[in-house]
Amino acid sequence: MSERAAPFYCPYCGEEDLRPSEQGHGAWECAACNRAFQLKFLGLLAQGLRQTTTQGDDI
């Protein structure tokens, strides 16, 4: 079993001083902005739902 990935920065202030929260799985605390947040995997996207854009056609 592999170790789960940790966030590299706070989604609110961008600082990297993060610690796991005691609230449970996927919860993190930012010491810089004093916020707590939780990461949650929602699922995989179906291949047909992904939008593709072409660049250079409107130049």
Protein backbone atom coordinates (compact mmCIF):
# COMPACT_ATOMS: atom_id res chain seq x y z
CA MET A 1 0.00 0.00 0.00
CA SER A 2 1.37 3.41 -0.93
CA GLU A 3 1.31 6.56 1.15
CA ARG A 4 -1.30 9.16 0.19
CA ALA A 5 -0.20 12.42 -1.36
CA ALA A 6 -0.10 15.53 0.81
CA PRO A 7 -0.96 19.04 -0.38
CA PHE A 8 2.07 21.23 -1.12
CA TYR A 9 0.45 24.57 -0.26
CA CYS A 10 -2.64 26.08 1.37
CA PRO A 11 -5.46 26.69 -1.15
CA TYR A 12 -6.35 29.93 0.67
CA CYS A 13 -3.06 31.75 1.28
CA GLY A 14 -0.50 29.73 -0.70
CA GLU A 15 1.84 29.10 2.23
CA GLU A 16 3.52 25.72 2.73
CA ASP A 17 3.30 25.45 6.55
CA LEU A 18 0.68 22.67 6.64
CA ARG A 19 0.04 20.02 9.25
CA PRO A 20 -2.40 17.10 9.36
CA SER A 21 -5.52 17.98 11.34
CA GLU A 22 -6.96 15.93 14.17
CA GLN A 23 -10.39 16.20 12.49
CA GLY A 24 -9.80 13.07 10.47
CA HIS A 25 -8.72 11.68 7.13
CA GLY A 26 -7.79 14.29 4.53
CA ALA A 27 -8.03 17.27 6.89
CA TRP A 28 -5.18 19.78 7.04
CA GLU A 29 -4.38 22.93 9.03
CA CYS A 30 -2.45 25.95 7.78
CA ALA A 31 -0.34 27.64 10.45
CA ALA A 32 0.09 30.78 8.33
CA CYS A 33 -3.58 31.75 7.86
CA ASN A 34 -5.05 29.65 10.69
CA ARG A 35 -7.51 27.87 8.38
CA ALA A 36 -8.46 24.21 8.21
CA PHE A 37 -9.49 22.46 5.02
CA GLN A 38 -10.21 18.94 3.82
CA LEU A 39 -9.17 17.13 0.66
CA LYS A 40 -11.57 14.67 -0.88
CA PHE A 41 -11.28 12.49 -3.98
CA LEU A 42 -14.53 12.75 -5.94
CA GLY A 43 -13.88 10.18 -8.66
CA LEU A 44 -12.61 9.78 -12.19
CA LEU A 45 -13.96 11.74 -15.13
CA ALA A 46 -15.37 9.89 -18.09
CA GLN A 47 -13.24 10.37 -21.20
CA GLY A 48 -16.17 11.79 -23.19
CA LEU A 49 -16.77 14.60 -20.67
CA ARG A 50 -13.36 16.20 -21.08
CA GLN A 51 -13.46 19.32 -23.28
CA THR A 52 -10.71 19.82 -25.79
CA THR A 53 -9.72 23.20 -27.13
CA THR A 54 -7.77 23.98 -30.25
CA GLN A 55 -5.32 26.85 -30.23
CA GLY A 56 -4.16 28.82 -33.19
CA ASP A 57 -7.37 28.60 -35.27
CA ASP A 58 -8.55 32.14 -34.44
CA ILE A 59 -5.23 33.97 -34.95
